C-alpha atoms as a PDB file:
ATOM      1  CA  ALA A   1     -20.811  21.721  -5.871  1.00  0.00           C
ATOM      2  CA  ARG A   2     -24.549  21.495  -5.468  1.00  0.00           C
ATOM      3  CA  ALA A   3     -26.069  19.435  -8.539  1.00  0.00           C
ATOM      4  CA  VAL A   4     -28.436  21.433 -10.836  1.00  0.00           C
ATOM      5  CA  ILE A   5     -31.731  19.886 -12.487  1.00  0.00           C
ATOM      6  CA  LEU A   6     -32.214  21.147 -15.845  1.00  0.00           C
ATOM      7  CA  GLU A   7     -36.046  20.804 -16.799  1.00  0.00           C
ATOM      8  CA  ASN A   8     -37.675  22.081 -20.194  1.00  0.00           C
ATOM      9  CA  TYR A   9     -40.993  21.376 -21.356  1.00  0.00           C
ATOM     10  CA  SER A  10     -41.675  21.454 -25.006  1.00  0.00           C
ATOM     11  CA  THR A  11     -43.806  19.991 -27.842  1.00  0.00           C
ATOM     12  CA  SER A  12     -40.839  19.937 -29.863  1.00  0.00           C
ATOM     13  CA  GLN A  13     -38.704  16.804 -30.436  1.00  0.00           C
ATOM     14  CA  TYR A  14     -35.138  16.900 -30.843  1.00  0.00           C
ATOM     15  CA  SER A  15     -32.554  14.104 -31.379  1.00  0.00           C
ATOM     16  CA  PHE A  16     -30.091  13.080 -28.990  1.00  0.00           C
ATOM     17  CA  ARG A  17     -27.160  14.294 -31.152  1.00  0.00           C
ATOM     18  CA  LYS A  18     -28.957  17.800 -31.575  1.00  0.00           C
ATOM     19  CA  LEU A  19     -29.543  18.075 -28.159  1.00  0.00           C
ATOM     20  CA  SER A  20     -25.945  17.129 -27.211  1.00  0.00           C
ATOM     21  CA  ALA A  21     -24.613  19.539 -29.881  1.00  0.00           C
ATOM     22  CA  ALA A  22     -26.621  22.408 -28.586  1.00  0.00           C
ATOM     23  CA  LEU A  23     -25.305  21.987 -24.655  1.00  0.00           C
ATOM     24  CA  ASP A  24     -21.654  21.770 -26.278  1.00  0.00           C
ATOM     25  CA  SER A  25     -21.966  24.898 -27.906  1.00  0.00           C
ATOM     26  CA  THR A  26     -22.909  26.897 -24.566  1.00  0.00           C
ATOM     27  CA  GLY A  27     -19.420  26.319 -23.443  1.00  0.00           C
ATOM     28  CA  LEU A  28     -20.806  25.379 -19.690  1.00  0.00           C
ATOM     29  CA  PHE A  29     -20.471  21.583 -20.479  1.00  0.00           C
ATOM     30  CA  PRO A  30     -17.190  20.787 -21.444  1.00  0.00           C
ATOM     31  CA  TYR A  31     -15.684  17.087 -21.566  1.00  0.00           C
ATOM     32  CA  GLY A  32     -12.662  16.182 -19.503  1.00  0.00           C
ATOM     33  CA  LEU A  33     -13.195  19.088 -16.724  1.00  0.00           C
ATOM     34  CA  SER A  34      -9.949  19.382 -14.684  1.00  0.00           C
ATOM     35  CA  ASP A  35     -10.399  19.248 -11.049  1.00  0.00           C
ATOM     36  CA  GLN A  36      -8.615  22.396 -11.033  1.00  0.00           C
ATOM     37  CA  GLN A  37     -11.430  23.927 -12.965  1.00  0.00           C
ATOM     38  CA  TRP A  38     -13.851  22.665 -10.211  1.00  0.00           C
ATOM     39  CA  ARG A  39     -12.229  23.850  -7.491  1.00  0.00           C
ATOM     40  CA  LYS A  40     -12.025  27.329  -9.260  1.00  0.00           C
ATOM     41  CA  TRP A  41     -15.740  27.237  -9.716  1.00  0.00           C
ATOM     42  CA  VAL A  42     -16.609  26.563  -6.343  1.00  0.00           C
ATOM     43  CA  GLN A  43     -14.375  29.518  -5.100  1.00  0.00           C
ATOM     44  CA  LEU A  44     -16.026  31.875  -7.479  1.00  0.00           C
ATOM     45  CA  VAL A  45     -19.139  30.874  -6.405  1.00  0.00           C
ATOM     46  CA  HIS A  46     -18.511  31.827  -2.649  1.00  0.00           C
ATOM     47  CA  LEU A  47     -16.982  35.052  -3.714  1.00  0.00           C
ATOM     48  CA  ALA A  48     -19.963  35.561  -5.873  1.00  0.00           C
ATOM     49  CA  LYS A  49     -22.425  36.118  -3.039  1.00  0.00           C
ATOM     50  CA  MET A  50     -20.147  39.024  -1.621  1.00  0.00           C
ATOM     51  CA  ASN A  51     -19.316  40.577  -4.876  1.00  0.00           C
ATOM     52  CA  ASP A  52     -22.019  40.627  -8.048  1.00  0.00           C
ATOM     53  CA  SER A  53     -19.050  41.185 -10.353  1.00  0.00           C
ATOM     54  CA  VAL A  54     -17.565  37.880  -9.849  1.00  0.00           C
ATOM     55  CA  ASP A  55     -19.044  35.108 -12.784  1.00  0.00           C
ATOM     56  CA  PRO A  56     -18.524  31.652 -11.275  1.00  0.00           C
ATOM     57  CA  HIS A  57     -19.012  30.388 -15.044  1.00  0.00           C
ATOM     58  CA  SER A  58     -15.808  31.898 -16.354  1.00  0.00           C
ATOM     59  CA  ALA A  59     -13.919  29.064 -14.413  1.00  0.00           C
ATOM     60  CA  LEU A  60     -16.147  26.534 -16.611  1.00  0.00           C
ATOM     61  CA  THR A  61     -15.363  28.332 -19.623  1.00  0.00           C
ATOM     62  CA  GLN A  62     -11.779  29.090 -19.347  1.00  0.00           C
ATOM     63  CA  PRO A  63      -9.264  26.202 -20.624  1.00  0.00           C
ATOM     64  CA  PRO A  64      -7.153  25.024 -17.437  1.00  0.00           C
ATOM     65  CA  ALA A  65      -3.799  25.893 -16.947  1.00  0.00           C
ATOM     66  CA  LEU A  66      -1.232  23.091 -18.552  1.00  0.00           C
ATOM     67  CA  ARG A  67       1.744  22.036 -16.881  1.00  0.00           C
ATOM     68  CA  SER A  68       4.610  21.491 -18.845  1.00  0.00           C
ATOM     69  CA  ARG A  69       6.017  17.668 -19.117  1.00  0.00           C
ATOM     70  CA  SER A  70       9.329  18.841 -17.265  1.00  0.00           C
ATOM     71  CA  THR A  71       7.289  20.268 -14.270  1.00  0.00           C
ATOM     72  CA  VAL A  72       5.404  16.906 -14.109  1.00  0.00           C
ATOM     73  CA  LEU A  73       8.403  14.951 -14.062  1.00  0.00           C
ATOM     74  CA  LYS A  74       9.881  17.535 -11.506  1.00  0.00           C
ATOM     75  CA  HIS A  75       6.915  16.767  -9.257  1.00  0.00           C
ATOM     76  CA  ARG A  76       7.298  12.869  -9.589  1.00  0.00           C
ATOM     77  CA  ARG A  77      11.099  13.045  -8.960  1.00  0.00           C
ATOM     78  CA  LEU A  78      10.287  15.131  -5.676  1.00  0.00           C
ATOM     79  CA  GLY A  79       7.758  12.649  -4.496  1.00  0.00           C
ATOM     80  CA  THR A  80       9.840   9.727  -5.047  1.00  0.00           C
ATOM     81  CA  SER A  81      12.886  11.257  -3.336  1.00  0.00           C
ATOM     82  CA  LEU A  82      10.864  12.061  -0.311  1.00  0.00           C
ATOM     83  CA  ALA A  83       9.438   8.707  -0.483  1.00  0.00           C
ATOM     84  CA  THR A  84      13.140   7.220  -0.769  1.00  0.00           C
ATOM     85  CA  ARG A  85      14.227   9.809   1.988  1.00  0.00           C
ATOM     86  CA  ASP A  86      11.668   8.264   4.520  1.00  0.00           C
ATOM     87  CA  ASN A  87      12.169   5.080   3.849  1.00  0.00           C
ATOM     88  CA  HIS A  88      15.916   4.997   4.492  1.00  0.00           C
ATOM     89  CA  LEU A  89      14.835   7.124   7.763  1.00  0.00           C
ATOM     90  CA  SER A  90      12.742   4.203   8.855  1.00  0.00           C
ATOM     91  CA  LEU A  91      15.584   1.815   8.127  1.00  0.00           C
ATOM     92  CA  LYS A  92      18.121   3.716  10.327  1.00  0.00           C
ATOM     93  CA  GLN A  93      15.241   3.458  12.951  1.00  0.00           C
ATOM     94  CA  HIS A  94      14.665  -0.097  12.510  1.00  0.00           C
ATOM     95  CA  ARG A  95      18.315  -0.965  12.993  1.00  0.00           C
ATOM     96  CA  ALA A  96      18.594   1.047  16.149  1.00  0.00           C
ATOM     97  CA  SER A  97      15.407  -0.775  17.496  1.00  0.00           C
ATOM     98  CA  GLY A  98      17.019  -4.297  17.165  1.00  0.00           C
ATOM     99  CA  ILE A  99      13.450  -5.972  16.450  1.00  0.00           C
ATOM    100  CA  SER A 100      13.388  -9.119  13.825  1.00  0.00           C
ATOM    101  CA  ILE A 101      11.021  -9.081  11.078  1.00  0.00           C
ATOM    102  CA  PRO A 102       9.453 -11.996   9.828  1.00  0.00           C
ATOM    103  CA  LEU A 103      10.786 -12.731   6.279  1.00  0.00           C
ATOM    104  CA  THR A 104       7.544 -13.550   4.813  1.00  0.00           C
ATOM    105  CA  ILE A 105       6.372 -10.043   5.217  1.00  0.00           C
ATOM    106  CA  CYS A 106       9.165  -9.092   2.542  1.00  0.00           C
ATOM    107  CA  LEU A 107       7.669 -11.605   0.057  1.00  0.00           C
ATOM    108  CA  THR A 108       5.306 -10.906  -2.571  1.00  0.00           C
ATOM    109  CA  LYS A 109       1.714 -11.936  -2.307  1.00  0.00           C
ATOM    110  CA  SER A 110       1.940 -14.808  -4.719  1.00  0.00           C
ATOM    111  CA  ASP A 111       5.197 -16.062  -2.972  1.00  0.00           C
ATOM    112  CA  ARG A 112       3.251 -15.938   0.605  1.00  0.00           C
ATOM    113  CA  ALA A 113       0.216 -17.993  -0.917  1.00  0.00           C
ATOM    114  CA  LEU A 114       2.809 -20.564  -1.863  1.00  0.00           C
ATOM    115  CA  LEU A 115       4.012 -20.710   1.724  1.00  0.00           C
ATOM    116  CA  LYS A 116       0.486 -21.004   3.050  1.00  0.00           C
ATOM    117  CA  TYR A 117      -1.218 -23.175   0.715  1.00  0.00           C
ATOM    118  CA  GLY A 118       1.347 -25.272  -1.470  1.00  0.00           C
ATOM    119  CA  GLU A 119       1.141 -26.109  -5.184  1.00  0.00           C
ATOM    120  CA  LEU A 120      -0.646 -28.629  -6.970  1.00  0.00           C
ATOM    121  CA  LYS A 121       1.099 -31.511  -8.778  1.00  0.00           C
ATOM    122  CA  GLY A 122       2.190 -30.451 -12.389  1.00  0.00           C
ATOM    123  CA  ASN A 123       3.466 -27.246 -10.966  1.00  0.00           C
ATOM    124  CA  ARG A 124       5.142 -27.794  -7.767  1.00  0.00           C
ATOM    125  CA  ASN A 125       8.897 -28.066  -8.980  1.00  0.00           C
ATOM    126  CA  ASN A 126       8.608 -24.876 -11.283  1.00  0.00           C
ATOM    127  CA  ALA A 127       6.754 -23.039  -8.575  1.00  0.00           C
ATOM    128  CA  GLY A 128       9.187 -24.064  -5.893  1.00  0.00           C
ATOM    129  CA  TYR A 129      12.290 -23.076  -7.791  1.00  0.00           C
ATOM    130  CA  LYS A 130      10.705 -19.513  -8.123  1.00  0.00           C
ATOM    131  CA  LEU A 131       9.890 -19.391  -4.579  1.00  0.00           C
ATOM    132  CA  ALA A 132      13.314 -20.775  -3.436  1.00  0.00           C
ATOM    133  CA  ARG A 133      15.294 -18.189  -5.875  1.00  0.00           C
ATOM    134  CA  ASN A 134      12.981 -15.449  -3.965  1.00  0.00           C
ATOM    135  CA  LEU A 135      13.540 -16.772  -0.523  1.00  0.00           C
ATOM    136  CA  LEU A 136      17.330 -16.526  -1.154  1.00  0.00           C
ATOM    137  CA  GLY A 137      17.336 -13.320  -2.713  1.00  0.00           C
ATOM    138  CA  THR A 138      15.048 -11.650  -0.242  1.00  0.00           C
ATOM    139  CA  ALA A 139      17.247 -13.108   2.661  1.00  0.00           C
ATOM    140  CA  ASP A 140      20.381 -11.722   1.103  1.00  0.00           C
ATOM    141  CA  LEU A 141      19.029  -8.421   0.461  1.00  0.00           C
ATOM    142  CA  LEU A 142      18.049  -8.066   4.044  1.00  0.00           C
ATOM    143  CA  THR A 143      21.370  -9.406   5.322  1.00  0.00           C
ATOM    144  CA  ARG A 144      23.312  -6.713   2.948  1.00  0.00           C
ATOM    145  CA  HIS A 145      21.165  -3.819   4.940  1.00  0.00           C
ATOM    146  CA  ARG A 146      21.642  -4.999   8.265  1.00  0.00           C
ATOM    147  CA  ILE A 147      18.081  -6.175   8.795  1.00  0.00           C
ATOM    148  CA  ILE A 148      17.471  -8.649  11.200  1.00  0.00           C
ATOM    149  CA  TYR A 149      14.755 -11.330  10.187  1.00  0.00           C
ATOM    150  CA  HIS A 150      13.165 -14.853  10.777  1.00  0.00           C
ATOM    151  CA  SER A 151      12.550 -17.378   9.754  1.00  0.00           C
ATOM    152  CA  ASP A 152      15.222 -19.425   7.791  1.00  0.00           C
ATOM    153  CA  PRO A 153      14.801 -19.296   4.377  1.00  0.00           C
ATOM    154  CA  HIS A 154      15.352 -23.019   3.945  1.00  0.00           C
ATOM    155  CA  GLN A 155      12.867 -23.789   6.727  1.00  0.00           C
ATOM    156  CA  LEU A 156      10.221 -21.823   4.752  1.00  0.00           C
ATOM    157  CA  PHE A 157      11.097 -23.551   1.612  1.00  0.00           C
ATOM    158  CA  LYS A 158      10.725 -26.865   3.636  1.00  0.00           C
ATOM    159  CA  GLN A 159       7.178 -25.716   4.938  1.00  0.00           C
ATOM    160  CA  TYR A 160       6.174 -24.776   0.819  1.00  0.00           C
ATOM    161  CA  CYS A 161       6.935 -28.748   0.127  1.00  0.00           C
ATOM    162  CA  ASP A 162       5.084 -30.152   3.467  1.00  0.00           C
ATOM    163  CA  ARG A 163       1.744 -28.155   1.888  1.00  0.00           C
ATOM    164  CA  CYS A 164       1.947 -29.304  -1.672  1.00  0.00           C
ATOM    165  CA  THR A 165      -0.523 -31.579  -3.281  1.00  0.00           C
ATOM    166  CA  PRO A 166       0.739 -34.052  -2.841  1.00  0.00           C
ATOM    167  CA  PRO A 167       4.003 -32.851  -0.686  1.00  0.00           C
ATOM    168  CA  LEU A 168       7.312 -33.092  -2.687  1.00  0.00           C
ATOM    169  CA  ASP A 169       9.271 -35.570  -1.266  1.00  0.00           C
ATOM    170  CA  ASP A 170      13.051 -35.146   0.530  1.00  0.00           C
ATOM    171  CA  ALA A 171      14.991 -35.997  -2.501  1.00  0.00           C
ATOM    172  CA  GLU A 172      12.802 -33.631  -4.868  1.00  0.00           C
ATOM    173  CA  ALA A 173      12.985 -30.804  -2.400  1.00  0.00           C
ATOM    174  CA  LYS A 174      16.832 -31.120  -1.946  1.00  0.00           C
ATOM    175  CA  THR A 175      17.443 -30.964  -5.900  1.00  0.00           C
ATOM    176  CA  ILE A 176      14.995 -27.825  -6.291  1.00  0.00           C
ATOM    177  CA  TRP A 177      16.854 -26.056  -3.305  1.00  0.00           C
ATOM    178  CA  GLN A 178      20.583 -27.135  -4.347  1.00  0.00           C
ATOM    179  CA  SER A 179      19.517 -25.705  -8.081  1.00  0.00           C
ATOM    180  CA  ALA A 180      18.220 -22.605  -6.849  1.00  0.00           C
ATOM    181  CA  SER A 181      21.229 -22.137  -4.911  1.00  0.00           C
ATOM    182  CA  LYS A 182      23.702 -22.501  -7.601  1.00  0.00           C
ATOM    183  CA  THR A 183      23.960 -18.788  -8.998  1.00  0.00           C
ATOM    184  CA  PRO A 184      23.267 -15.757  -6.801  1.00  0.00           C
ATOM    185  CA  ALA A 185      19.661 -14.798  -6.297  1.00  0.00           C
ATOM    186  CA  PHE A 186      17.836 -11.214  -5.970  1.00  0.00           C
ATOM    187  CA  ALA A 187      14.875 -10.187  -4.108  1.00  0.00           C
ATOM    188  CA  SER A 188      11.552 -10.191  -6.100  1.00  0.00           C
ATOM    189  CA  ARG A 189      10.641  -6.845  -4.429  1.00  0.00           C
ATOM    190  CA  SER A 190      12.893  -3.570  -4.290  1.00  0.00           C
ATOM    191  CA  LEU A 191      14.539  -2.157  -1.354  1.00  0.00           C
ATOM    192  CA  ASP A 192      11.908   0.551  -1.014  1.00  0.00           C
ATOM    193  CA  SER A 193       8.607  -1.862  -1.195  1.00  0.00           C
ATOM    194  CA  ILE A 194      10.221  -3.779   1.490  1.00  0.00           C
ATOM    195  CA  LEU A 195      11.335  -1.041   3.622  1.00  0.00           C
ATOM    196  CA  VAL A 196       7.376  -0.072   3.655  1.00  0.00           C
ATOM    197  CA  SER A 197       6.607  -3.582   4.954  1.00  0.00           C
ATOM    198  CA  VAL A 198       9.316  -3.082   7.619  1.00  0.00           C
ATOM    199  CA  SER A 199       7.986   0.113   8.588  1.00  0.00           C
ATOM    200  CA  GLN A 200       4.339  -1.227   8.931  1.00  0.00           C
ATOM    201  CA  CYS A 201       5.897  -4.146  11.020  1.00  0.00           C
ATOM    202  CA  ASP A 202       7.460  -1.948  13.185  1.00  0.00           C
ATOM    203  CA  ARG A 203       4.194   0.354  14.007  1.00  0.00           C
ATOM    204  CA  GLY A 204       2.541  -2.994  14.618  1.00  0.00           C
ATOM    205  CA  ASN A 205       4.843  -3.843  16.896  1.00  0.00           C
ATOM    206  CA  ILE A 206       4.907  -0.563  18.799  1.00  0.00           C
ATOM    207  CA  LYS A 207       1.235  -0.827  18.940  1.00  0.00           C
ATOM    208  CA  GLY A 208       1.323  -4.297  20.420  1.00  0.00           C
ATOM    209  CA  SER A 209       3.740  -3.409  22.916  1.00  0.00           C
ATOM    210  CA  VAL A 210       1.956  -0.213  24.406  1.00  0.00           C
ATOM    211  CA  LEU A 211      -1.383  -2.490  24.774  1.00  0.00           C
ATOM    212  CA  ARG A 212       0.640  -5.161  26.363  1.00  0.00           C
ATOM    213  CA  GLN A 213       1.744  -2.391  28.745  1.00  0.00           C
ATOM    214  CA  GLU A 214      -1.583  -1.094  29.297  1.00  0.00           C
ATOM    215  CA  LYS A 215      -3.246  -4.617  30.214  1.00  0.00           C
ATOM    216  CA  LEU A 216      -0.228  -4.844  32.442  1.00  0.00           C
ATOM    217  CA  VAL A 217      -0.592  -1.651  34.296  1.00  0.00           C
ATOM    218  CA  PHE A 218      -4.446  -2.390  34.292  1.00  0.00           C
ATOM    219  CA  GLY A 219      -4.103  -5.875  35.929  1.00  0.00           C
ATOM    220  CA  LYS A 220      -1.664  -4.397  38.510  1.00  0.00           C
ATOM    221  CA  ALA A 221      -3.826  -1.811  39.508  1.00  0.00           C
ATOM    222  CA  HIS A 222      -6.948  -4.208  39.586  1.00  0.00           C
ATOM    223  CA  ALA A 223      -5.043  -6.694  41.678  1.00  0.00           C
ATOM    224  CA  SER A 224      -4.152  -3.647  43.985  1.00  0.00           C
ATOM    225  CA  ASN A 225      -7.709  -2.333  44.386  1.00  0.00           C
ATOM    226  CA  GLY A 226      -8.834  -6.183  45.390  1.00  0.00           C
ATOM    227  CA  SER A 227      -6.209  -6.276  48.217  1.00  0.00           C
ATOM    228  CA  SER A 228      -7.176  -3.211  49.525  1.00  0.00           C
ATOM    229  CA  LEU A 229     -10.726  -4.452  49.612  1.00  0.00           C
ATOM    230  CA  LEU A 230      -9.885  -7.439  51.315  1.00  0.00           C
ATOM    231  CA  GLU A 231      -7.765  -5.651  53.988  1.00  0.00           C
ATOM    232  CA  GLU A 232     -10.794  -3.243  54.544  1.00  0.00           C
ATOM    233  CA  VAL A 233     -13.213  -6.626  54.995  1.00  0.00           C
ATOM    234  CA  LEU A 234     -10.785  -8.279  57.226  1.00  0.00           C
END
């Protein structure tokens, strides 16, 4: 829709409240105008160019059609079920590919930050215990759904310990890991959320593979042309 500038010149003075009330009384400037009403107004503006009887302002003054709560919930459930179906379809495709994914992409951002930067003294043990639980739980979830991954959870935990300030010594690290391993752990992300990351990783691997193949083909073609030119010269 095109913006319309309203100009009015008068010696009279009006307070902001009176002017606002006057505009509201027209019914053409309602608050909370829905996207549905704006779309309808645009549609009627185009129709009015061909039919004088069409009044675009009717779309602004008519109240928007309200959807029942059950309809809203139904659409939400449909969207969720479709997303879940797509995720499980991508899971089947990933299993068939046999590609190993990095365990780190299945972790939360905060866990990935711990692996990258470690933790400062005073919070190393608590953060390490939480990270160890999340690593164990995520690895267990991937194993149960037959998703191949790398690296080993314990190796990633040792990486965290080495990057702490100061680094955690072997005795402390062993105590934390043993404590985290005593009871079954659970992933910090849902399966559907992890499958989105797996799907993104698969697309990245496919794209990278295509680029490598293109470079290989280009390199062979370039070498072949070079050999042909050399033969002509000789």
